Amino acid sequence: MLDVLSHGDIIELRMNRPPANALNHEMLEAILAAYAEALQAGAQGLILSGQPGMFCAGIDVPELLGQSRGDIHRFWSLLFQTGKSLATCPVPVVAALAGHSPAGGAVLAAHCDYRIAAAGPFKIGFNEVQVGLPLPSSIMCIFMDLVGTRQARQIGMQGQLMLMDRALEIGLVDELVAPEMVEGRALEYLQGLLAMPTMAMNTTRLVGKEHLIPVLEESDDVDRTTAAWFSDETQAAMQLLVDNLQKNKSD
């Protein structure tokens, strides 16, 4: 489900839950546990990666749809905790996007310090609205920080997905490289950061995020997103998504 790879003092957390690295309770728990273990072991930088062609397809709607309110509340708590951990990490975190990164995949990537994406026909974006979920306030704030308020609002309310070259243009990703070079470039970027005085680098990096911390820490997103999940509109949209996925599998 999650492979942990050591590159000296840089640790790579590689999602490995075929076919799409969809997020469920176990995946998020694995990321949080490996994150904590890496920092405890003295990691100076982290890479969050997926598989060739697919970083992360977002939340596992078919698995989550029939779960209880308590289970769904715990899922959202884990997701927001994961985002907060990535955003406030004491060492730099790079997202290595070797493929598609919609919805929850974009959420994880957006909370990292830097995003290196594969050039090609891969898409990224916050398409939650398309499947009946409002974009939570803390995630919208992260999105606005990356691409600007007006652009984030326009893209978010339409639930748009975009190709990686467009994501580079607006600042949602920071670099495009050949697919086979994504993880190597992520490692190279972190090594460049760590070659600088690390206290000064990390302090400056975190100071640049201070305006986001209150939103990440004080948001009621878990309760609000859980409530939205169980609304009639969202349940209907999610069921339609699951039905379409099952139909596509059978075709």
C-alpha atoms as a PDB file:
ATOM      1  CA  MET A   1       0.000   0.000   0.000  1.00  0.00           C
ATOM      2  CA  LEU A   2       2.902   2.352   0.766  1.00  0.00           C
ATOM      3  CA  ASP A   3       6.556   1.745  -0.045  1.00  0.00           C
ATOM      4  CA  VAL A   4       9.178   3.606   1.978  1.00  0.00           C
ATOM      5  CA  LEU A   5      12.432   4.202   0.094  1.00  0.00           C
ATOM      6  CA  SER A   6      15.603   5.675   1.547  1.00  0.00           C
ATOM      7  CA  HIS A   7      17.772   8.064  -0.459  1.00  0.00           C
ATOM      8  CA  GLY A   8      20.280   8.876   2.273  1.00  0.00           C
ATOM      9  CA  ASP A   9      18.742  11.581   4.437  1.00  0.00           C
ATOM     10  CA  ILE A  10      15.787  11.925   2.044  1.00  0.00           C
ATOM     11  CA  ILE A  11      12.872   9.506   2.446  1.00  0.00           C
ATOM     12  CA  GLU A  12      10.406   8.726  -0.320  1.00  0.00           C
ATOM     13  CA  LEU A  13       6.855   7.696   0.548  1.00  0.00           C
ATOM     14  CA  ARG A  14       5.576   5.932  -2.565  1.00  0.00           C
ATOM     15  CA  MET A  15       1.862   5.153  -2.732  1.00  0.00           C
ATOM     16  CA  ASN A  16       1.305   1.650  -4.077  1.00  0.00           C
ATOM     17  CA  ARG A  17      -2.359   0.718  -3.986  1.00  0.00           C
ATOM     18  CA  PRO A  18      -3.310  -0.489  -7.478  1.00  0.00           C
ATOM     19  CA  PRO A  19      -4.937   0.371  -9.702  1.00  0.00           C
ATOM     20  CA  ALA A  20      -5.216   4.074  -8.848  1.00  0.00           C
ATOM     21  CA  ASN A  21      -3.738   4.715  -5.379  1.00  0.00           C
ATOM     22  CA  ALA A  22      -7.228   5.665  -4.204  1.00  0.00           C
ATOM     23  CA  LEU A  23      -7.343   7.053  -0.684  1.00  0.00           C
ATOM     24  CA  ASN A  24      -9.063   5.077   2.067  1.00  0.00           C
ATOM     25  CA  HIS A  25      -8.553   4.908   5.823  1.00  0.00           C
ATOM     26  CA  GLU A  26      -5.655   2.469   5.544  1.00  0.00           C
ATOM     27  CA  MET A  27      -3.771   4.479   2.925  1.00  0.00           C
ATOM     28  CA  LEU A  28      -3.976   7.694   4.936  1.00  0.00           C
ATOM     29  CA  GLU A  29      -2.981   5.905   8.136  1.00  0.00           C
ATOM     30  CA  ALA A  30       0.005   4.406   6.311  1.00  0.00           C
ATOM     31  CA  ILE A  31       1.112   7.814   5.019  1.00  0.00           C
ATOM     32  CA  LEU A  32       0.818   9.402   8.463  1.00  0.00           C
ATOM     33  CA  ALA A  33       2.681   6.549  10.164  1.00  0.00           C
ATOM     34  CA  ALA A  34       5.507   6.535   7.601  1.00  0.00           C
ATOM     35  CA  TYR A  35       5.717  10.335   7.769  1.00  0.00           C
ATOM     36  CA  ALA A  36       6.154  10.239  11.553  1.00  0.00           C
ATOM     37  CA  GLU A  37       8.681   7.414  11.383  1.00  0.00           C
ATOM     38  CA  ALA A  38      10.729   9.215   8.733  1.00  0.00           C
ATOM     39  CA  LEU A  39      10.963  12.383  10.810  1.00  0.00           C
ATOM     40  CA  GLN A  40      11.784  10.411  13.950  1.00  0.00           C
ATOM     41  CA  ALA A  41      14.583   8.674  12.039  1.00  0.00           C
ATOM     42  CA  GLY A  42      16.089  12.041  11.113  1.00  0.00           C
ATOM     43  CA  ALA A  43      14.920  12.533   7.534  1.00  0.00           C
ATOM     44  CA  GLN A  44      15.942  15.928   6.166  1.00  0.00           C
ATOM     45  CA  GLY A  45      13.539  15.881   3.227  1.00  0.00           C
ATOM     46  CA  LEU A  46      10.525  13.894   2.023  1.00  0.00           C
ATOM     47  CA  ILE A  47       9.204  12.877  -1.384  1.00  0.00           C
ATOM     48  CA  LEU A  48       5.567  11.854  -1.800  1.00  0.00           C
ATOM     49  CA  SER A  49       5.155   9.821  -4.980  1.00  0.00           C
ATOM     50  CA  GLY A  50       2.840   7.394  -6.735  1.00  0.00           C
ATOM     51  CA  GLN A  51       3.181   5.055  -9.683  1.00  0.00           C
ATOM     52  CA  PRO A  52       3.976   5.701 -13.354  1.00  0.00           C
ATOM     53  CA  GLY A  53       0.872   7.193 -14.924  1.00  0.00           C
ATOM     54  CA  MET A  54      -0.979   7.666 -11.635  1.00  0.00           C
ATOM     55  CA  PHE A  55       0.012   9.717  -8.609  1.00  0.00           C
ATOM     56  CA  CYS A  56      -3.333   9.369  -6.838  1.00  0.00           C
ATOM     57  CA  ALA A  57      -6.867   9.258  -8.221  1.00  0.00           C
ATOM     58  CA  GLY A  58      -8.449  10.741  -5.097  1.00  0.00           C
ATOM     59  CA  ILE A  59     -10.700   9.203  -2.497  1.00  0.00           C
ATOM     60  CA  ASP A  60     -11.971   5.651  -2.856  1.00  0.00           C
ATOM     61  CA  VAL A  61     -15.624   6.521  -3.394  1.00  0.00           C
ATOM     62  CA  PRO A  62     -16.840   2.939  -4.024  1.00  0.00           C
ATOM     63  CA  GLU A  63     -15.342   1.810  -0.710  1.00  0.00           C
ATOM     64  CA  LEU A  64     -16.460   4.823   1.303  1.00  0.00           C
ATOM     65  CA  LEU A  65     -19.952   5.342  -0.060  1.00  0.00           C
ATOM     66  CA  GLY A  66     -21.730   2.806   2.144  1.00  0.00           C
ATOM     67  CA  GLN A  67     -19.816   3.514   5.346  1.00  0.00           C
ATOM     68  CA  SER A  68     -21.259   4.928   8.562  1.00  0.00           C
ATOM     69  CA  ARG A  69     -21.167   8.572   9.569  1.00  0.00           C
ATOM     70  CA  GLY A  70     -18.539   7.744  12.193  1.00  0.00           C
ATOM     71  CA  ASP A  71     -16.309   6.039   9.630  1.00  0.00           C
ATOM     72  CA  ILE A  72     -16.679   8.907   7.175  1.00  0.00           C
ATOM     73  CA  HIS A  73     -15.913  11.457   9.894  1.00  0.00           C
ATOM     74  CA  ARG A  74     -12.752   9.521  10.736  1.00  0.00           C
ATOM     75  CA  PHE A  75     -11.769   9.387   7.054  1.00  0.00           C
ATOM     76  CA  TRP A  76     -12.026  13.150   6.630  1.00  0.00           C
ATOM     77  CA  SER A  77     -10.162  13.663   9.883  1.00  0.00           C
ATOM     78  CA  LEU A  78      -7.330  11.515   8.528  1.00  0.00           C
ATOM     79  CA  LEU A  79      -7.292  13.355   5.205  1.00  0.00           C
ATOM     80  CA  PHE A  80      -7.144  16.817   6.749  1.00  0.00           C
ATOM     81  CA  GLN A  81      -4.531  15.620   9.251  1.00  0.00           C
ATOM     82  CA  THR A  82      -2.427  14.330   6.364  1.00  0.00           C
ATOM     83  CA  GLY A  83      -2.692  17.641   4.543  1.00  0.00           C
ATOM     84  CA  LYS A  84      -1.781  19.608   7.644  1.00  0.00           C
ATOM     85  CA  SER A  85       1.197  17.328   8.333  1.00  0.00           C
ATOM     86  CA  LEU A  86       2.537  17.834   4.815  1.00  0.00           C
ATOM     87  CA  ALA A  87       1.995  21.597   4.899  1.00  0.00           C
ATOM     88  CA  THR A  88       3.624  22.113   8.310  1.00  0.00           C
ATOM     89  CA  CYS A  89       6.387  19.530   7.961  1.00  0.00           C
ATOM     90  CA  PRO A  90       9.645  20.622   9.639  1.00  0.00           C
ATOM     91  CA  VAL A  91      11.566  19.464   6.548  1.00  0.00           C
ATOM     92  CA  PRO A  92      10.761  20.184   2.892  1.00  0.00           C
ATOM     93  CA  VAL A  93       8.316  17.906   1.073  1.00  0.00           C
ATOM     94  CA  VAL A  94       8.226  17.460  -2.698  1.00  0.00           C
ATOM     95  CA  ALA A  95       5.329  15.849  -4.563  1.00  0.00           C
ATOM     96  CA  ALA A  96       6.540  13.708  -7.469  1.00  0.00           C
ATOM     97  CA  LEU A  97       3.582  13.527  -9.836  1.00  0.00           C
ATOM     98  CA  ALA A  98       4.394  10.852 -12.393  1.00  0.00           C
ATOM     99  CA  GLY A  99       0.804  10.722 -13.635  1.00  0.00           C
ATOM    100  CA  HIS A 100      -2.784  11.785 -13.050  1.00  0.00           C
ATOM    101  CA  SER A 101      -3.510  13.709  -9.847  1.00  0.00           C
ATOM    102  CA  PRO A 102      -7.210  14.577  -9.630  1.00  0.00           C
ATOM    103  CA  ALA A 103      -9.249  15.445  -6.530  1.00  0.00           C
ATOM    104  CA  GLY A 104      -7.574  13.949  -3.449  1.00  0.00           C
ATOM    105  CA  GLY A 105      -4.363  13.527  -5.430  1.00  0.00           C
ATOM    106  CA  ALA A 106      -4.310  17.264  -6.094  1.00  0.00           C
ATOM    107  CA  VAL A 107      -5.088  17.884  -2.417  1.00  0.00           C
ATOM    108  CA  LEU A 108      -2.056  15.906  -1.253  1.00  0.00           C
ATOM    109  CA  ALA A 109       0.190  17.547  -3.847  1.00  0.00           C
ATOM    110  CA  ALA A 110      -1.009  21.070  -3.049  1.00  0.00           C
ATOM    111  CA  HIS A 111      -0.027  20.726   0.614  1.00  0.00           C
ATOM    112  CA  CYS A 112       3.581  19.886  -0.314  1.00  0.00           C
ATOM    113  CA  ASP A 113       6.276  22.524  -0.741  1.00  0.00           C
ATOM    114  CA  TYR A 114       7.007  21.829  -4.398  1.00  0.00           C
ATOM    115  CA  ARG A 115       5.371  19.829  -7.183  1.00  0.00           C
ATOM    116  CA  ILE A 116       7.276  18.172 -10.024  1.00  0.00           C
ATOM    117  CA  ALA A 117       4.958  16.689 -12.638  1.00  0.00           C
ATOM    118  CA  ALA A 118       5.264  14.437 -15.653  1.00  0.00           C
ATOM    119  CA  ALA A 119       4.886  16.099 -19.024  1.00  0.00           C
ATOM    120  CA  GLY A 120       2.267  14.422 -21.162  1.00  0.00           C
ATOM    121  CA  PRO A 121      -1.467  13.720 -21.216  1.00  0.00           C
ATOM    122  CA  PHE A 122      -1.854  13.702 -17.439  1.00  0.00           C
ATOM    123  CA  LYS A 123      -4.446  15.738 -15.562  1.00  0.00           C
ATOM    124  CA  ILE A 124      -4.621  17.427 -12.188  1.00  0.00           C
ATOM    125  CA  GLY A 125      -7.276  19.485 -10.469  1.00  0.00           C
ATOM    126  CA  PHE A 126      -9.870  19.923  -7.765  1.00  0.00           C
ATOM    127  CA  ASN A 127     -12.899  18.329  -9.415  1.00  0.00           C
ATOM    128  CA  GLU A 128     -14.800  17.706  -6.178  1.00  0.00           C
ATOM    129  CA  VAL A 129     -17.772  19.822  -7.277  1.00  0.00           C
ATOM    130  CA  GLN A 130     -18.275  17.549 -10.277  1.00  0.00           C
ATOM    131  CA  VAL A 131     -18.965  14.657  -7.918  1.00  0.00           C
ATOM    132  CA  GLY A 132     -21.129  16.611  -5.496  1.00  0.00           C
ATOM    133  CA  LEU A 133     -18.660  17.736  -2.831  1.00  0.00           C
ATOM    134  CA  PRO A 134     -17.967  21.382  -1.988  1.00  0.00           C
ATOM    135  CA  LEU A 135     -14.280  22.219  -1.841  1.00  0.00           C
ATOM    136  CA  PRO A 136     -13.422  22.548   1.882  1.00  0.00           C
ATOM    137  CA  SER A 137     -12.234  25.933   3.116  1.00  0.00           C
ATOM    138  CA  SER A 138      -8.720  24.863   4.120  1.00  0.00           C
ATOM    139  CA  ILE A 139      -8.132  23.199   0.748  1.00  0.00           C
ATOM    140  CA  MET A 140      -9.476  26.255  -1.068  1.00  0.00           C
ATOM    141  CA  CYS A 141      -7.075  28.449   0.920  1.00  0.00           C
ATOM    142  CA  ILE A 142      -4.136  26.245  -0.094  1.00  0.00           C
ATOM    143  CA  PHE A 143      -5.333  26.364  -3.719  1.00  0.00           C
ATOM    144  CA  MET A 144      -5.689  30.167  -3.609  1.00  0.00           C
ATOM    145  CA  ASP A 145      -2.188  30.463  -2.174  1.00  0.00           C
ATOM    146  CA  LEU A 146      -0.821  28.597  -5.192  1.00  0.00           C
ATOM    147  CA  VAL A 147      -2.758  30.115  -8.092  1.00  0.00           C
ATOM    148  CA  GLY A 148      -4.428  33.278  -6.764  1.00  0.00           C
ATOM    149  CA  THR A 149      -7.870  33.938  -5.321  1.00  0.00           C
ATOM    150  CA  ARG A 150      -9.873  34.658  -8.472  1.00  0.00           C
ATOM    151  CA  GLN A 151      -8.384  31.812 -10.469  1.00  0.00           C
ATOM    152  CA  ALA A 152      -8.849  29.298  -7.643  1.00  0.00           C
ATOM    153  CA  ARG A 153     -12.476  30.337  -7.225  1.00  0.00           C
ATOM    154  CA  GLN A 154     -13.251  30.085 -10.940  1.00  0.00           C
ATOM    155  CA  ILE A 155     -11.537  26.713 -11.365  1.00  0.00           C
ATOM    156  CA  GLY A 156     -12.792  25.310  -8.072  1.00  0.00           C
ATOM    157  CA  MET A 157     -16.459  26.140  -8.514  1.00  0.00           C
ATOM    158  CA  GLN A 158     -16.433  24.471 -11.942  1.00  0.00           C
ATOM    159  CA  GLY A 159     -14.559  21.423 -10.693  1.00  0.00           C
ATOM    160  CA  GLN A 160     -12.089  21.712 -13.549  1.00  0.00           C
ATOM    161  CA  LEU A 161      -9.368  19.231 -14.335  1.00  0.00           C
ATOM    162  CA  MET A 162      -6.473  20.456 -16.458  1.00  0.00           C
ATOM    163  CA  LEU A 163      -3.458  19.110 -18.279  1.00  0.00           C
ATOM    164  CA  MET A 164      -0.123  19.497 -16.539  1.00  0.00           C
ATOM    165  CA  ASP A 165       1.131  22.176 -18.929  1.00  0.00           C
ATOM    166  CA  ARG A 166      -1.832  24.360 -17.960  1.00  0.00           C
ATOM    167  CA  ALA A 167      -1.197  23.563 -14.287  1.00  0.00           C
ATOM    168  CA  LEU A 168       2.368  24.791 -14.766  1.00  0.00           C
ATOM    169  CA  GLU A 169       1.135  28.023 -16.351  1.00  0.00           C
ATOM    170  CA  ILE A 170      -1.091  28.898 -13.394  1.00  0.00           C
ATOM    171  CA  GLY A 171       1.289  27.713 -10.647  1.00  0.00           C
ATOM    172  CA  LEU A 172      -0.478  24.554  -9.514  1.00  0.00           C
ATOM    173  CA  VAL A 173       2.680  22.597 -10.356  1.00  0.00           C
ATOM    174  CA  ASP A 174       6.211  23.975 -10.348  1.00  0.00           C
ATOM    175  CA  GLU A 175       8.084  21.937 -12.960  1.00  0.00           C
ATOM    176  CA  LEU A 176       7.393  19.570 -15.836  1.00  0.00           C
ATOM    177  CA  VAL A 177       9.881  16.867 -16.752  1.00  0.00           C
ATOM    178  CA  ALA A 178       9.788  13.638 -18.737  1.00  0.00           C
ATOM    179  CA  PRO A 179       7.764  10.975 -16.881  1.00  0.00           C
ATOM    180  CA  GLU A 180      10.800   8.804 -16.218  1.00  0.00           C
ATOM    181  CA  MET A 181      12.649  11.763 -14.677  1.00  0.00           C
ATOM    182  CA  VAL A 182      10.038  12.864 -12.124  1.00  0.00           C
ATOM    183  CA  GLU A 183      11.364  11.097  -9.037  1.00  0.00           C
ATOM    184  CA  GLY A 184      14.997  11.757  -9.940  1.00  0.00           C
ATOM    185  CA  ARG A 185      14.293  15.455 -10.349  1.00  0.00           C
ATOM    186  CA  ALA A 186      12.435  15.512  -7.014  1.00  0.00           C
ATOM    187  CA  LEU A 187      15.492  14.035  -5.345  1.00  0.00           C
ATOM    188  CA  GLU A 188      17.780  16.500  -7.133  1.00  0.00           C
ATOM    189  CA  TYR A 189      15.618  19.449  -6.068  1.00  0.00           C
ATOM    190  CA  LEU A 190      15.663  18.392  -2.421  1.00  0.00           C
ATOM    191  CA  GLN A 191      19.404  17.811  -2.496  1.00  0.00           C
ATOM    192  CA  GLY A 192      19.807  21.367  -3.767  1.00  0.00           C
ATOM    193  CA  LEU A 193      17.732  22.720  -0.886  1.00  0.00           C
ATOM    194  CA  LEU A 194      19.654  20.676   1.660  1.00  0.00           C
ATOM    195  CA  ALA A 195      22.967  21.986   0.319  1.00  0.00           C
ATOM    196  CA  MET A 196      21.983  25.393   1.704  1.00  0.00           C
ATOM    197  CA  PRO A 197      22.098  26.343   5.395  1.00  0.00           C
ATOM    198  CA  THR A 198      19.170  24.209   6.512  1.00  0.00           C
ATOM    199  CA  MET A 199      18.038  26.228   9.522  1.00  0.00           C
ATOM    200  CA  ALA A 200      17.748  29.379   7.423  1.00  0.00           C
ATOM    201  CA  MET A 201      16.074  27.505   4.564  1.00  0.00           C
ATOM    202  CA  ASN A 202      13.505  25.712   6.716  1.00  0.00           C
ATOM    203  CA  THR A 203      12.705  28.772   8.823  1.00  0.00           C
ATOM    204  CA  THR A 204      12.102  30.852   5.699  1.00  0.00           C
ATOM    205  CA  ARG A 205      10.039  28.056   4.140  1.00  0.00           C
ATOM    206  CA  LEU A 206       7.759  27.831   7.177  1.00  0.00           C
ATOM    207  CA  VAL A 207       7.493  31.601   7.678  1.00  0.00           C
ATOM    208  CA  GLY A 208       6.133  31.729   4.138  1.00  0.00           C
ATOM    209  CA  LYS A 209       3.243  29.518   5.261  1.00  0.00           C
ATOM    210  CA  GLU A 210       2.370  31.221   8.544  1.00  0.00           C
ATOM    211  CA  HIS A 211      -0.766  32.802   7.067  1.00  0.00           C
ATOM    212  CA  LEU A 212      -2.117  29.314   6.296  1.00  0.00           C
ATOM    213  CA  ILE A 213      -1.599  27.762   9.730  1.00  0.00           C
ATOM    214  CA  PRO A 214      -4.736  29.190  11.421  1.00  0.00           C
ATOM    215  CA  VAL A 215      -6.902  27.844   8.596  1.00  0.00           C
ATOM    216  CA  LEU A 216      -5.321  24.401   8.817  1.00  0.00           C
ATOM    217  CA  GLU A 217      -5.564  24.257  12.611  1.00  0.00           C
ATOM    218  CA  GLU A 218      -8.903  25.915  13.334  1.00  0.00           C
ATOM    219  CA  SER A 219     -11.051  24.858  10.391  1.00  0.00           C
ATOM    220  CA  ASP A 220     -14.251  22.895  10.994  1.00  0.00           C
ATOM    221  CA  ASP A 221     -13.763  21.178   7.644  1.00  0.00           C
ATOM    222  CA  VAL A 222     -14.074  17.663   9.066  1.00  0.00           C
ATOM    223  CA  ASP A 223     -17.587  18.261  10.417  1.00  0.00           C
ATOM    224  CA  ARG A 224     -18.716  20.297   7.419  1.00  0.00           C
ATOM    225  CA  THR A 225     -17.386  17.840   4.850  1.00  0.00           C
ATOM    226  CA  THR A 226     -18.914  14.900   6.709  1.00  0.00           C
ATOM    227  CA  ALA A 227     -22.276  16.672   6.712  1.00  0.00           C
ATOM    228  CA  ALA A 228     -21.955  17.463   3.005  1.00  0.00           C
ATOM    229  CA  TRP A 229     -21.071  13.837   2.251  1.00  0.00           C
ATOM    230  CA  PHE A 230     -24.414  12.660   3.641  1.00  0.00           C
ATOM    231  CA  SER A 231     -26.520  15.281   1.854  1.00  0.00           C
ATOM    232  CA  ASP A 232     -28.988  13.928  -0.695  1.00  0.00           C
ATOM    233  CA  GLU A 233     -27.272  15.799  -3.527  1.00  0.00           C
ATOM    234  CA  THR A 234     -23.824  14.434  -2.740  1.00  0.00           C
ATOM    235  CA  GLN A 235     -25.017  10.892  -2.132  1.00  0.00           C
ATOM    236  CA  ALA A 236     -26.796  10.903  -5.495  1.00  0.00           C
ATOM    237  CA  ALA A 237     -23.737  12.260  -7.304  1.00  0.00           C
ATOM    238  CA  MET A 238     -21.457   9.735  -5.618  1.00  0.00           C
ATOM    239  CA  GLN A 239     -23.801   6.853  -6.441  1.00  0.00           C
ATOM    240  CA  LEU A 240     -23.871   7.944 -10.084  1.00  0.00           C
ATOM    241  CA  LEU A 241     -20.066   7.997 -10.094  1.00  0.00           C
ATOM    242  CA  VAL A 242     -19.907   4.479  -8.672  1.00  0.00           C
ATOM    243  CA  ASP A 243     -22.504   3.238 -11.164  1.00  0.00           C
ATOM    244  CA  ASN A 244     -20.501   4.697 -14.047  1.00  0.00           C
ATOM    245  CA  LEU A 245     -17.274   3.146 -12.766  1.00  0.00           C
ATOM    246  CA  GLN A 246     -18.932  -0.252 -12.554  1.00  0.00           C
ATOM    247  CA  LYS A 247     -20.416   0.155 -16.031  1.00  0.00           C
ATOM    248  CA  ASN A 248     -17.020   1.060 -17.487  1.00  0.00           C
ATOM    249  CA  LYS A 249     -15.487  -2.035 -15.898  1.00  0.00           C
ATOM    250  CA  SER A 250     -18.108  -4.286 -17.454  1.00  0.00           C
ATOM    251  CA  ASP A 251     -17.897  -2.731 -20.945  1.00  0.00           C
END
